[in-house]
C-alpha atoms as a PDB file:
ATOM      1  CA  MET A   1       0.166 -15.570  13.496  1.00  0.00           C
ATOM      2  CA  ALA A   2       3.199 -16.255  11.351  1.00  0.00           C
ATOM      3  CA  LEU A   3       6.340 -18.332  11.494  1.00  0.00           C
ATOM      4  CA  LEU A   4       9.456 -16.163  11.543  1.00  0.00           C
ATOM      5  CA  PRO A   5      12.907 -17.133  10.257  1.00  0.00           C
ATOM      6  CA  ILE A   6      15.332 -17.821  13.122  1.00  0.00           C
ATOM      7  CA  ILE A   7      18.746 -16.195  12.754  1.00  0.00           C
ATOM      8  CA  THR A   8      21.692 -18.515  13.400  1.00  0.00           C
ATOM      9  CA  ALA A   9      25.199 -17.732  14.628  1.00  0.00           C
ATOM     10  CA  PRO A  10      27.558 -16.293  13.655  1.00  0.00           C
ATOM     11  CA  ASP A  11      25.119 -13.617  12.389  1.00  0.00           C
ATOM     12  CA  PRO A  12      26.276 -10.245  13.814  1.00  0.00           C
ATOM     13  CA  ARG A  13      22.693  -9.257  14.734  1.00  0.00           C
ATOM     14  CA  LEU A  14      22.838 -11.823  17.544  1.00  0.00           C
ATOM     15  CA  LYS A  15      25.637  -9.834  19.193  1.00  0.00           C
ATOM     16  CA  GLN A  16      23.773  -6.500  19.288  1.00  0.00           C
ATOM     17  CA  ALA A  17      22.089  -5.016  22.346  1.00  0.00           C
ATOM     18  CA  CYS A  18      18.352  -4.457  21.940  1.00  0.00           C
ATOM     19  CA  ALA A  19      16.356  -1.264  22.391  1.00  0.00           C
ATOM     20  CA  THR A  20      13.902  -0.830  25.245  1.00  0.00           C
ATOM     21  CA  VAL A  21      10.299  -1.162  24.093  1.00  0.00           C
ATOM     22  CA  GLU A  22       8.550   2.176  24.662  1.00  0.00           C
ATOM     23  CA  GLN A  23       4.988   0.909  24.293  1.00  0.00           C
ATOM     24  CA  VAL A  24       3.305  -2.487  24.255  1.00  0.00           C
ATOM     25  CA  ASP A  25       0.913  -2.078  21.342  1.00  0.00           C
ATOM     26  CA  ASP A  26      -0.787  -4.337  18.782  1.00  0.00           C
ATOM     27  CA  GLU A  27       2.425  -4.553  16.740  1.00  0.00           C
ATOM     28  CA  MET A  28       4.371  -5.768  19.803  1.00  0.00           C
ATOM     29  CA  ARG A  29       1.620  -8.260  20.701  1.00  0.00           C
ATOM     30  CA  GLN A  30       1.757  -9.608  17.129  1.00  0.00           C
ATOM     31  CA  LEU A  31       5.533  -9.996  17.371  1.00  0.00           C
ATOM     32  CA  LEU A  32       5.190 -11.862  20.697  1.00  0.00           C
ATOM     33  CA  ASN A  33       2.527 -14.190  19.248  1.00  0.00           C
ATOM     34  CA  ASP A  34       4.592 -14.824  16.106  1.00  0.00           C
ATOM     35  CA  MET A  35       7.624 -15.544  18.296  1.00  0.00           C
ATOM     36  CA  LEU A  36       5.611 -18.085  20.313  1.00  0.00           C
ATOM     37  CA  GLU A  37       4.380 -19.828  17.179  1.00  0.00           C
ATOM     38  CA  THR A  38       7.945 -19.904  15.830  1.00  0.00           C
ATOM     39  CA  MET A  39       9.317 -21.230  19.143  1.00  0.00           C
ATOM     40  CA  TYR A  40       6.723 -24.028  19.369  1.00  0.00           C
ATOM     41  CA  GLU A  41       7.316 -25.032  15.745  1.00  0.00           C
ATOM     42  CA  ALA A  42      11.145 -25.098  16.107  1.00  0.00           C
ATOM     43  CA  PRO A  43      10.638 -26.707  18.777  1.00  0.00           C
ATOM     44  CA  GLY A  44      12.117 -24.727  21.644  1.00  0.00           C
ATOM     45  CA  ILE A  45      11.354 -23.492  25.158  1.00  0.00           C
ATOM     46  CA  GLY A  46      12.413 -19.873  24.715  1.00  0.00           C
ATOM     47  CA  LEU A  47      12.964 -17.280  22.018  1.00  0.00           C
ATOM     48  CA  ALA A  48      14.203 -13.698  22.095  1.00  0.00           C
ATOM     49  CA  ALA A  49      13.245 -10.988  19.603  1.00  0.00           C
ATOM     50  CA  PRO A  50      16.781 -10.559  18.178  1.00  0.00           C
ATOM     51  CA  GLN A  51      16.729 -14.235  17.165  1.00  0.00           C
ATOM     52  CA  VAL A  52      14.008 -13.339  14.657  1.00  0.00           C
ATOM     53  CA  GLY A  53      15.648 -10.076  13.571  1.00  0.00           C
ATOM     54  CA  ALA A  54      13.772  -7.653  15.866  1.00  0.00           C
ATOM     55  CA  LEU A  55      16.225  -5.715  18.034  1.00  0.00           C
ATOM     56  CA  LYS A  56      13.650  -5.142  20.781  1.00  0.00           C
ATOM     57  CA  ARG A  57      13.732  -6.197  24.448  1.00  0.00           C
ATOM     58  CA  ALA A  58      11.119  -8.953  24.229  1.00  0.00           C
ATOM     59  CA  ILE A  59      11.208 -12.680  24.983  1.00  0.00           C
ATOM     60  CA  VAL A  60       8.818 -15.617  25.071  1.00  0.00           C
ATOM     61  CA  VAL A  61       9.255 -18.702  27.245  1.00  0.00           C
ATOM     62  CA  ASP A  62       7.320 -21.919  27.846  1.00  0.00           C
ATOM     63  CA  VAL A  63       8.919 -24.735  29.836  1.00  0.00           C
ATOM     64  CA  SER A  64       5.754 -26.826  30.203  1.00  0.00           C
ATOM     65  CA  ASN A  65       6.093 -30.535  29.494  1.00  0.00           C
ATOM     66  CA  GLU A  66       4.614 -32.130  26.377  1.00  0.00           C
ATOM     67  CA  ASP A  67       1.880 -33.769  28.474  1.00  0.00           C
ATOM     68  CA  GLU A  68       0.895 -30.420  30.059  1.00  0.00           C
ATOM     69  CA  GLU A  69      -1.103 -27.536  28.665  1.00  0.00           C
ATOM     70  CA  ASN A  70       1.083 -24.788  27.170  1.00  0.00           C
ATOM     71  CA  ALA A  71       2.011 -22.092  29.703  1.00  0.00           C
ATOM     72  CA  PRO A  72       3.576 -19.330  27.615  1.00  0.00           C
ATOM     73  CA  LEU A  73       5.163 -16.258  29.167  1.00  0.00           C
ATOM     74  CA  ARG A  74       5.425 -13.108  27.078  1.00  0.00           C
ATOM     75  CA  MET A  75       7.923 -10.663  28.578  1.00  0.00           C
ATOM     76  CA  VAL A  76       8.655  -7.149  27.359  1.00  0.00           C
ATOM     77  CA  ASN A  77      11.649  -5.289  28.830  1.00  0.00           C
ATOM     78  CA  PRO A  78      12.483  -8.149  31.234  1.00  0.00           C
ATOM     79  CA  GLU A  79      14.976  -7.253  33.925  1.00  0.00           C
ATOM     80  CA  LEU A  80      16.525  -9.416  36.613  1.00  0.00           C
ATOM     81  CA  THR A  81      15.894  -7.736  39.976  1.00  0.00           C
ATOM     82  CA  TRP A  82      17.458 -10.479  42.145  1.00  0.00           C
ATOM     83  CA  VAL A  83      19.534 -13.601  41.661  1.00  0.00           C
ATOM     84  CA  SER A  84      20.360 -16.262  44.239  1.00  0.00           C
ATOM     85  CA  ASP A  85      23.856 -16.879  45.548  1.00  0.00           C
ATOM     86  CA  HIS A  86      23.692 -20.563  44.698  1.00  0.00           C
ATOM     87  CA  ASP A  87      24.091 -21.798  41.157  1.00  0.00           C
ATOM     88  CA  ALA A  88      22.684 -24.533  38.974  1.00  0.00           C
ATOM     89  CA  SER A  89      24.075 -25.947  35.765  1.00  0.00           C
ATOM     90  CA  TYR A  90      22.091 -27.018  32.735  1.00  0.00           C
ATOM     91  CA  ASP A  91      23.062 -28.456  29.398  1.00  0.00           C
ATOM     92  CA  GLU A  92      21.882 -25.491  27.330  1.00  0.00           C
ATOM     93  CA  GLY A  93      21.087 -25.322  23.665  1.00  0.00           C
ATOM     94  CA  CYS A  94      19.792 -22.520  21.477  1.00  0.00           C
ATOM     95  CA  LEU A  95      17.647 -22.239  18.368  1.00  0.00           C
ATOM     96  CA  SER A  96      20.290 -19.832  16.986  1.00  0.00           C
ATOM     97  CA  LEU A  97      23.052 -22.417  17.524  1.00  0.00           C
ATOM     98  CA  PRO A  98      21.219 -25.506  16.265  1.00  0.00           C
ATOM     99  CA  GLU A  99      22.360 -28.931  17.439  1.00  0.00           C
ATOM    100  CA  HIS A 100      25.003 -27.540  19.813  1.00  0.00           C
ATOM    101  CA  TYR A 101      24.862 -27.841  23.592  1.00  0.00           C
ATOM    102  CA  ALA A 102      27.100 -26.974  26.523  1.00  0.00           C
ATOM    103  CA  GLU A 103      26.846 -26.992  30.288  1.00  0.00           C
ATOM    104  CA  VAL A 104      26.270 -23.455  31.575  1.00  0.00           C
ATOM    105  CA  VAL A 105      26.264 -22.373  35.214  1.00  0.00           C
ATOM    106  CA  ARG A 106      23.762 -19.664  36.212  1.00  0.00           C
ATOM    107  CA  PRO A 107      22.018 -18.504  39.397  1.00  0.00           C
ATOM    108  CA  ALA A 108      19.513 -21.193  40.474  1.00  0.00           C
ATOM    109  CA  GLU A 109      16.744 -18.750  41.430  1.00  0.00           C
ATOM    110  CA  ILE A 110      15.787 -15.327  40.107  1.00  0.00           C
ATOM    111  CA  LYS A 111      13.235 -12.551  40.284  1.00  0.00           C
ATOM    112  CA  VAL A 112      12.378 -10.812  37.045  1.00  0.00           C
ATOM    113  CA  SER A 113      10.274  -7.722  36.413  1.00  0.00           C
ATOM    114  CA  TYR A 114       8.697  -7.178  33.010  1.00  0.00           C
ATOM    115  CA  LEU A 115       5.696  -5.879  31.115  1.00  0.00           C
ATOM    116  CA  ASP A 116       3.161  -8.470  29.991  1.00  0.00           C
ATOM    117  CA  GLU A 117       1.477  -8.472  26.572  1.00  0.00           C
ATOM    118  CA  MET A 118      -1.022  -5.875  27.812  1.00  0.00           C
ATOM    119  CA  GLY A 119       1.729  -3.528  29.030  1.00  0.00           C
ATOM    120  CA  LYS A 120       1.027  -4.288  32.696  1.00  0.00           C
ATOM    121  CA  ALA A 121       4.019  -4.447  35.079  1.00  0.00           C
ATOM    122  CA  GLN A 122       4.624  -7.945  36.439  1.00  0.00           C
ATOM    123  CA  GLU A 123       7.154  -9.650  38.681  1.00  0.00           C
ATOM    124  CA  LEU A 124       7.948 -13.342  38.697  1.00  0.00           C
ATOM    125  CA  GLU A 125      10.087 -15.562  40.910  1.00  0.00           C
ATOM    126  CA  ALA A 126      11.548 -18.550  39.107  1.00  0.00           C
ATOM    127  CA  GLU A 127      13.824 -21.490  39.789  1.00  0.00           C
ATOM    128  CA  GLY A 128      15.141 -24.496  37.935  1.00  0.00           C
ATOM    129  CA  LEU A 129      14.661 -24.726  34.189  1.00  0.00           C
ATOM    130  CA  LEU A 130      12.381 -21.654  34.058  1.00  0.00           C
ATOM    131  CA  ALA A 131      15.029 -19.497  35.785  1.00  0.00           C
ATOM    132  CA  THR A 132      17.714 -20.789  33.420  1.00  0.00           C
ATOM    133  CA  CYS A 133      15.557 -20.226  30.336  1.00  0.00           C
ATOM    134  CA  ILE A 134      14.645 -16.650  31.328  1.00  0.00           C
ATOM    135  CA  GLN A 135      18.303 -15.800  31.989  1.00  0.00           C
ATOM    136  CA  HIS A 136      19.321 -17.363  28.660  1.00  0.00           C
ATOM    137  CA  GLU A 137      16.733 -15.304  26.755  1.00  0.00           C
ATOM    138  CA  ILE A 138      17.558 -12.047  28.599  1.00  0.00           C
ATOM    139  CA  ASP A 139      21.200 -12.618  27.640  1.00  0.00           C
ATOM    140  CA  HIS A 140      20.114 -12.526  23.977  1.00  0.00           C
ATOM    141  CA  LEU A 141      18.726  -9.017  24.539  1.00  0.00           C
ATOM    142  CA  ASP A 142      22.238  -7.892  25.496  1.00  0.00           C
ATOM    143  CA  GLY A 143      23.971  -9.659  22.602  1.00  0.00           C
ATOM    144  CA  ILE A 144      25.167 -12.558  24.769  1.00  0.00           C
ATOM    145  CA  LEU A 145      24.940 -16.175  23.604  1.00  0.00           C
ATOM    146  CA  PHE A 146      25.126 -19.225  25.882  1.00  0.00           C
ATOM    147  CA  VAL A 147      28.524 -20.048  24.346  1.00  0.00           C
ATOM    148  CA  ASP A 148      29.828 -16.778  25.823  1.00  0.00           C
ATOM    149  CA  HIS A 149      29.532 -18.499  29.234  1.00  0.00           C
ATOM    150  CA  ILE A 150      31.788 -21.447  28.345  1.00  0.00           C
ATOM    151  CA  SER A 151      35.507 -21.811  27.684  1.00  0.00           C
ATOM    152  CA  ALA A 152      36.979 -20.092  24.646  1.00  0.00           C
ATOM    153  CA  LEU A 153      38.095 -23.454  23.286  1.00  0.00           C
ATOM    154  CA  LYS A 154      34.590 -24.967  23.380  1.00  0.00           C
ATOM    155  CA  ARG A 155      33.009 -21.729  22.106  1.00  0.00           C
ATOM    156  CA  ASN A 156      35.379 -21.482  19.137  1.00  0.00           C
ATOM    157  CA  MET A 157      34.793 -25.135  18.266  1.00  0.00           C
ATOM    158  CA  ILE A 158      31.015 -24.612  18.165  1.00  0.00           C
ATOM    159  CA  LEU A 159      31.250 -21.349  16.213  1.00  0.00           C
ATOM    160  CA  ARG A 160      33.643 -22.887  13.647  1.00  0.00           C
ATOM    161  CA  LYS A 161      31.168 -25.745  13.084  1.00  0.00           C
ATOM    162  CA  LEU A 162      28.298 -23.270  12.644  1.00  0.00           C
ATOM    163  CA  LEU A 163      30.340 -21.178  10.185  1.00  0.00           C
ATOM    164  CA  LYS A 164      31.224 -24.308   8.195  1.00  0.00           C
ATOM    165  CA  ALA A 165      27.548 -25.342   8.131  1.00  0.00           C
ATOM    166  CA  ARG A 166      26.549 -21.840   6.985  1.00  0.00           C
ATOM    167  CA  LYS A 167      29.059 -21.928   4.116  1.00  0.00           C
ATOM    168  CA  ALA A 168      27.720 -25.337   3.061  1.00  0.00           C
ATOM    169  CA  ASN A 169      24.104 -24.124   3.306  1.00  0.00           C
ATOM    170  CA  PRO A 170      23.893 -20.301   3.001  1.00  0.00           C
ATOM    171  CA  PRO A 171      20.846 -18.507   4.491  1.00  0.00           C
ATOM    172  CA  SER A 172      17.987 -17.607   2.168  1.00  0.00           C
ATOM    173  CA  GLU A 173      17.193 -13.973   1.313  1.00  0.00           C
ATOM    174  CA  LEU A 174      14.273 -14.124   3.776  1.00  0.00           C
ATOM    175  CA  GLU A 175      16.588 -15.283   6.584  1.00  0.00           C
ATOM    176  CA  LYS A 176      19.113 -12.562   5.709  1.00  0.00           C
ATOM    177  CA  ALA A 177      16.405  -9.888   5.892  1.00  0.00           C
ATOM    178  CA  GLY A 178      15.192 -11.176   9.252  1.00  0.00           C
END
């Protein structure tokens, strides 16, 4: 496994829609494992392939507590098949928008279909933090960031701060290559 550089906003790659994965093969499994290692190291609870420069529909999620055993989910081509009518709000953050948080309202419960790391079709019902995290990561696959769900004023404030930080500390060649 390998740690991957995490792309930060306002990198244009974060706003691109990702391609459907045609086949879950060894290369895809390696990407999923590398994404998990990167997510745990960051530390985070979710990571989408475009955040590490791979424009593929793949995410990893683990919302287990520190005192619990890791419970990673590897999802290829995840798709929401149902969302509840009632909403929940969470103070969301993102590894691609470091040190910035905002309250985001999303459906409280979901059903998601996906392929697991062996290419087998799966379906999962989720609520609470897991539902929020999955929705957040699926958004990344469509070029949507959590700040796209908040007011323009708050979004622009966060993006200006990230741009200022990037100018003060430009990305390395490795981060640029993704």
